[in-house]
Amino acid sequence: MAVHRDVSLYFDDLRVGDEWESPARTVTEADVAAFAGLSGDFNAIHMDHEAARSGAFGRPVAHGLLGLSIASGLTSHSPRMATLAFLAIDRWAFLKPIGFGDTIRVLTRVESILPKARGRRAEVTWFRRLINQSGDTVQEGITRTLVKGRAADASTASLDSTDATTEAN
């Protein structure tokens, strides 16, 4: 039986305009309660059903930062990249609420690729949209990551072979 590895993409595999759609995930009341515990944000709009009914959305909603956190997790698989670091959120907009029971997914597009360090890595700029089950964009923004290049693995491989040759002598 063959074992298949989940292979990460290098920045060299990307082209400006490439797009991916992540798997979907349903946001639950338990997610919101857990996030409140982690963040310390127990605002009534998230935690108090009665108070939230008379609020702007007429119901309790998820924390905006919970949506951003879930988006980050979903995009770690779609596409799966050889990411070295998350560099920045250049812009992020919270457009519509995420309700308990909403199912969200992320659409990702490569905006730019800036190679660095003689091709060993690149700064990749991404446009990301968090979409709910109705197709509405609930959040969107621009993020930047540092992604490994094939040249980094090639230089590591040549160093490894040099080390092996040296050790053999």
C-alpha atoms as a PDB file:
ATOM      1  CA  MET A   1       0.000   0.000   0.000  1.00  0.00           C
ATOM      2  CA  ALA A   2       1.343   3.442  -0.924  1.00  0.00           C
ATOM      3  CA  VAL A   3       1.599   6.193   1.660  1.00  0.00           C
ATOM      4  CA  HIS A   4       0.936   9.646   0.234  1.00  0.00           C
ATOM      5  CA  ARG A   5       2.481  12.708   1.839  1.00  0.00           C
ATOM      6  CA  ASP A   6       0.589  15.969   2.073  1.00  0.00           C
ATOM      7  CA  VAL A   7       2.997  18.130   0.080  1.00  0.00           C
ATOM      8  CA  SER A   8       3.377  21.839   0.726  1.00  0.00           C
ATOM      9  CA  LEU A   9       3.718  24.316  -2.122  1.00  0.00           C
ATOM     10  CA  TYR A  10       6.711  26.624  -2.452  1.00  0.00           C
ATOM     11  CA  PHE A  11       6.385  30.223  -3.579  1.00  0.00           C
ATOM     12  CA  ASP A  12       7.817  29.077  -6.941  1.00  0.00           C
ATOM     13  CA  ASP A  13       4.614  27.054  -7.468  1.00  0.00           C
ATOM     14  CA  LEU A  14       2.442  30.170  -7.244  1.00  0.00           C
ATOM     15  CA  ARG A  15       1.340  32.635  -9.903  1.00  0.00           C
ATOM     16  CA  VAL A  16      -0.337  35.982  -9.292  1.00  0.00           C
ATOM     17  CA  GLY A  17      -4.073  35.398  -9.674  1.00  0.00           C
ATOM     18  CA  ASP A  18      -4.032  31.757  -8.492  1.00  0.00           C
ATOM     19  CA  GLU A  19      -7.097  31.021  -6.344  1.00  0.00           C
ATOM     20  CA  TRP A  20      -8.164  28.395  -3.813  1.00  0.00           C
ATOM     21  CA  GLU A  21     -11.332  27.624  -1.890  1.00  0.00           C
ATOM     22  CA  SER A  22     -10.949  26.135   1.580  1.00  0.00           C
ATOM     23  CA  PRO A  23     -13.090  23.436   3.124  1.00  0.00           C
ATOM     24  CA  ALA A  24     -16.082  24.790   5.060  1.00  0.00           C
ATOM     25  CA  ARG A  25     -16.543  24.879   8.824  1.00  0.00           C
ATOM     26  CA  THR A  26     -19.638  25.543  10.930  1.00  0.00           C
ATOM     27  CA  VAL A  27     -19.247  28.042  13.780  1.00  0.00           C
ATOM     28  CA  THR A  28     -20.910  26.789  16.960  1.00  0.00           C
ATOM     29  CA  GLU A  29     -21.946  28.372  20.240  1.00  0.00           C
ATOM     30  CA  ALA A  30     -19.239  26.224  21.868  1.00  0.00           C
ATOM     31  CA  ASP A  31     -16.628  27.835  19.562  1.00  0.00           C
ATOM     32  CA  VAL A  32     -17.785  31.285  20.682  1.00  0.00           C
ATOM     33  CA  ALA A  33     -17.734  30.329  24.376  1.00  0.00           C
ATOM     34  CA  ALA A  34     -14.235  28.834  24.030  1.00  0.00           C
ATOM     35  CA  PHE A  35     -12.974  31.934  22.215  1.00  0.00           C
ATOM     36  CA  ALA A  36     -14.478  34.167  24.922  1.00  0.00           C
ATOM     37  CA  GLY A  37     -12.560  32.143  27.494  1.00  0.00           C
ATOM     38  CA  LEU A  38      -9.299  32.418  25.560  1.00  0.00           C
ATOM     39  CA  SER A  39      -9.621  36.092  24.679  1.00  0.00           C
ATOM     40  CA  GLY A  40     -11.370  37.347  27.802  1.00  0.00           C
ATOM     41  CA  ASP A  41     -14.030  39.020  25.612  1.00  0.00           C
ATOM     42  CA  PHE A  42     -17.326  38.171  27.288  1.00  0.00           C
ATOM     43  CA  ASN A  43     -19.265  41.003  25.623  1.00  0.00           C
ATOM     44  CA  ALA A  44     -23.033  40.467  25.824  1.00  0.00           C
ATOM     45  CA  ILE A  45     -23.345  40.517  22.014  1.00  0.00           C
ATOM     46  CA  HIS A  46     -21.513  37.160  22.035  1.00  0.00           C
ATOM     47  CA  MET A  47     -22.528  35.589  25.353  1.00  0.00           C
ATOM     48  CA  ASP A  48     -25.928  36.864  26.498  1.00  0.00           C
ATOM     49  CA  HIS A  49     -28.778  35.653  24.265  1.00  0.00           C
ATOM     50  CA  GLU A  50     -31.352  37.919  25.890  1.00  0.00           C
ATOM     51  CA  ALA A  51     -29.252  41.080  25.626  1.00  0.00           C
ATOM     52  CA  ALA A  52     -28.131  40.184  22.089  1.00  0.00           C
ATOM     53  CA  ARG A  53     -31.772  39.922  20.938  1.00  0.00           C
ATOM     54  CA  SER A  54     -32.180  43.642  21.551  1.00  0.00           C
ATOM     55  CA  GLY A  55     -28.801  44.444  19.964  1.00  0.00           C
ATOM     56  CA  ALA A  56     -27.871  45.459  16.433  1.00  0.00           C
ATOM     57  CA  PHE A  57     -28.072  41.926  14.992  1.00  0.00           C
ATOM     58  CA  GLY A  58     -31.073  40.613  16.948  1.00  0.00           C
ATOM     59  CA  ARG A  59     -29.150  37.526  18.036  1.00  0.00           C
ATOM     60  CA  PRO A  60     -25.778  36.599  19.521  1.00  0.00           C
ATOM     61  CA  VAL A  61     -22.915  36.611  17.020  1.00  0.00           C
ATOM     62  CA  ALA A  62     -19.385  35.277  16.945  1.00  0.00           C
ATOM     63  CA  HIS A  63     -16.434  37.505  17.773  1.00  0.00           C
ATOM     64  CA  GLY A  64     -15.002  39.124  14.652  1.00  0.00           C
ATOM     65  CA  LEU A  65     -11.557  37.945  15.694  1.00  0.00           C
ATOM     66  CA  LEU A  66     -12.889  34.393  15.995  1.00  0.00           C
ATOM     67  CA  GLY A  67     -13.868  34.613  12.325  1.00  0.00           C
ATOM     68  CA  LEU A  68     -10.378  35.875  11.462  1.00  0.00           C
ATOM     69  CA  SER A  69      -8.817  33.062  13.519  1.00  0.00           C
ATOM     70  CA  ILE A  70     -10.934  30.409  11.817  1.00  0.00           C
ATOM     71  CA  ALA A  71     -10.047  31.930   8.431  1.00  0.00           C
ATOM     72  CA  SER A  72      -6.367  31.654   9.325  1.00  0.00           C
ATOM     73  CA  GLY A  73      -6.800  27.984  10.180  1.00  0.00           C
ATOM     74  CA  LEU A  74      -8.788  27.194   7.040  1.00  0.00           C
ATOM     75  CA  THR A  75      -6.202  28.873   4.819  1.00  0.00           C
ATOM     76  CA  SER A  76      -3.372  26.878   6.380  1.00  0.00           C
ATOM     77  CA  HIS A  77      -4.682  23.939   4.321  1.00  0.00           C
ATOM     78  CA  SER A  78      -5.895  25.717   1.226  1.00  0.00           C
ATOM     79  CA  PRO A  79      -3.361  26.127  -0.157  1.00  0.00           C
ATOM     80  CA  ARG A  80      -0.911  24.224   2.033  1.00  0.00           C
ATOM     81  CA  MET A  81       2.260  26.284   1.777  1.00  0.00           C
ATOM     82  CA  ALA A  82       5.837  25.951   3.023  1.00  0.00           C
ATOM     83  CA  THR A  83       5.208  29.000   5.218  1.00  0.00           C
ATOM     84  CA  LEU A  84       8.109  30.323   7.258  1.00  0.00           C
ATOM     85  CA  ALA A  85       6.260  33.198   8.970  1.00  0.00           C
ATOM     86  CA  PHE A  86       3.031  35.170   9.039  1.00  0.00           C
ATOM     87  CA  LEU A  87       4.217  38.729   8.389  1.00  0.00           C
ATOM     88  CA  ALA A  88       1.237  41.074   8.467  1.00  0.00           C
ATOM     89  CA  ILE A  89      -2.423  41.820   8.153  1.00  0.00           C
ATOM     90  CA  ASP A  90      -2.302  44.857   5.886  1.00  0.00           C
ATOM     91  CA  ARG A  91      -6.057  45.339   5.880  1.00  0.00           C
ATOM     92  CA  TRP A  92      -8.976  43.381   7.303  1.00  0.00           C
ATOM     93  CA  ALA A  93     -12.653  44.360   7.213  1.00  0.00           C
ATOM     94  CA  PHE A  94     -15.488  42.890   9.276  1.00  0.00           C
ATOM     95  CA  LEU A  95     -18.430  43.305   6.883  1.00  0.00           C
ATOM     96  CA  LYS A  96     -21.259  41.168   8.270  1.00  0.00           C
ATOM     97  CA  PRO A  97     -21.842  39.199  11.469  1.00  0.00           C
ATOM     98  CA  ILE A  98     -21.121  35.493  11.781  1.00  0.00           C
ATOM     99  CA  GLY A  99     -23.996  33.815  13.596  1.00  0.00           C
ATOM    100  CA  PHE A 100     -24.026  30.595  15.574  1.00  0.00           C
ATOM    101  CA  GLY A 101     -24.566  27.806  13.029  1.00  0.00           C
ATOM    102  CA  ASP A 102     -23.116  29.753  10.076  1.00  0.00           C
ATOM    103  CA  THR A 103     -20.890  27.669   7.822  1.00  0.00           C
ATOM    104  CA  ILE A 104     -17.897  29.597   6.540  1.00  0.00           C
ATOM    105  CA  ARG A 105     -15.128  29.017   4.021  1.00  0.00           C
ATOM    106  CA  VAL A 106     -12.273  31.113   2.647  1.00  0.00           C
ATOM    107  CA  LEU A 107     -11.538  32.134  -0.915  1.00  0.00           C
ATOM    108  CA  THR A 108      -7.856  32.990  -1.359  1.00  0.00           C
ATOM    109  CA  ARG A 109      -6.088  34.730  -4.248  1.00  0.00           C
ATOM    110  CA  VAL A 110      -2.378  35.436  -4.738  1.00  0.00           C
ATOM    111  CA  GLU A 111      -1.945  39.201  -5.135  1.00  0.00           C
ATOM    112  CA  SER A 112       1.845  39.479  -5.383  1.00  0.00           C
ATOM    113  CA  ILE A 113       5.063  37.503  -4.940  1.00  0.00           C
ATOM    114  CA  LEU A 114       8.283  39.281  -3.943  1.00  0.00           C
ATOM    115  CA  PRO A 115      11.293  36.915  -4.033  1.00  0.00           C
ATOM    116  CA  LYS A 116      14.020  37.523  -1.438  1.00  0.00           C
ATOM    117  CA  ALA A 117      17.343  36.003  -0.371  1.00  0.00           C
ATOM    118  CA  ARG A 118      18.317  34.876  -3.896  1.00  0.00           C
ATOM    119  CA  GLY A 119      15.097  32.906  -4.286  1.00  0.00           C
ATOM    120  CA  ARG A 120      15.298  31.027  -1.008  1.00  0.00           C
ATOM    121  CA  ARG A 121      12.053  32.661   0.141  1.00  0.00           C
ATOM    122  CA  ALA A 122       9.454  35.214  -0.932  1.00  0.00           C
ATOM    123  CA  GLU A 123       6.949  37.558   0.608  1.00  0.00           C
ATOM    124  CA  VAL A 124       3.534  36.515  -0.701  1.00  0.00           C
ATOM    125  CA  THR A 125       0.562  38.882  -0.506  1.00  0.00           C
ATOM    126  CA  TRP A 126      -2.856  37.222  -0.309  1.00  0.00           C
ATOM    127  CA  PHE A 127      -6.393  38.563  -0.724  1.00  0.00           C
ATOM    128  CA  ARG A 128      -8.736  36.496   1.439  1.00  0.00           C
ATOM    129  CA  ARG A 129     -12.538  36.511   1.632  1.00  0.00           C
ATOM    130  CA  LEU A 130     -14.465  34.738   4.381  1.00  0.00           C
ATOM    131  CA  ILE A 131     -17.782  33.596   2.870  1.00  0.00           C
ATOM    132  CA  ASN A 132     -20.846  32.248   4.691  1.00  0.00           C
ATOM    133  CA  GLN A 133     -23.284  29.533   3.577  1.00  0.00           C
ATOM    134  CA  SER A 134     -25.383  32.119   1.671  1.00  0.00           C
ATOM    135  CA  GLY A 135     -22.378  33.263  -0.357  1.00  0.00           C
ATOM    136  CA  ASP A 136     -22.122  36.565   1.532  1.00  0.00           C
ATOM    137  CA  THR A 137     -18.665  37.972   2.223  1.00  0.00           C
ATOM    138  CA  VAL A 138     -18.540  38.411   6.000  1.00  0.00           C
ATOM    139  CA  GLN A 139     -14.856  39.405   6.270  1.00  0.00           C
ATOM    140  CA  GLU A 140     -12.083  40.151   3.805  1.00  0.00           C
ATOM    141  CA  GLY A 141      -8.598  41.486   3.714  1.00  0.00           C
ATOM    142  CA  ILE A 142      -4.979  41.427   2.678  1.00  0.00           C
ATOM    143  CA  THR A 143      -2.356  39.351   4.503  1.00  0.00           C
ATOM    144  CA  ARG A 144       1.335  38.687   3.876  1.00  0.00           C
ATOM    145  CA  THR A 145       3.379  35.570   4.595  1.00  0.00           C
ATOM    146  CA  LEU A 146       6.988  34.546   4.117  1.00  0.00           C
ATOM    147  CA  VAL A 147       7.125  31.358   2.038  1.00  0.00           C
ATOM    148  CA  LYS A 148      10.054  29.035   1.381  1.00  0.00           C
ATOM    149  CA  GLY A 149      11.337  28.625  -2.184  1.00  0.00           C
ATOM    150  CA  ARG A 150      12.676  25.561  -3.933  1.00  0.00           C
ATOM    151  CA  ALA A 151      16.143  27.158  -3.897  1.00  0.00           C
ATOM    152  CA  ALA A 152      16.141  26.892  -0.084  1.00  0.00           C
ATOM    153  CA  ASP A 153      15.678  23.123  -0.255  1.00  0.00           C
ATOM    154  CA  ALA A 154      18.212  22.842  -3.086  1.00  0.00           C
ATOM    155  CA  SER A 155      20.853  24.698  -1.047  1.00  0.00           C
ATOM    156  CA  THR A 156      20.046  22.552   2.005  1.00  0.00           C
ATOM    157  CA  ALA A 157      20.339  19.388  -0.103  1.00  0.00           C
ATOM    158  CA  SER A 158      23.716  20.471  -1.498  1.00  0.00           C
ATOM    159  CA  LEU A 159      24.941  21.280   2.027  1.00  0.00           C
ATOM    160  CA  ASP A 160      23.748  17.862   3.197  1.00  0.00           C
ATOM    161  CA  SER A 161      25.629  16.110   0.375  1.00  0.00           C
ATOM    162  CA  THR A 162      28.756  18.193   1.109  1.00  0.00           C
ATOM    163  CA  ASP A 163      28.514  17.199   4.786  1.00  0.00           C
ATOM    164  CA  ALA A 164      28.131  13.534   3.820  1.00  0.00           C
ATOM    165  CA  THR A 165      31.169  13.722   1.508  1.00  0.00           C
ATOM    166  CA  THR A 166      33.235  15.426   4.222  1.00  0.00           C
ATOM    167  CA  GLU A 167      32.230  12.835   6.812  1.00  0.00           C
ATOM    168  CA  ALA A 168      33.087   9.987   4.422  1.00  0.00           C
ATOM    169  CA  ASN A 169      36.621  11.325   3.898  1.00  0.00           C
END
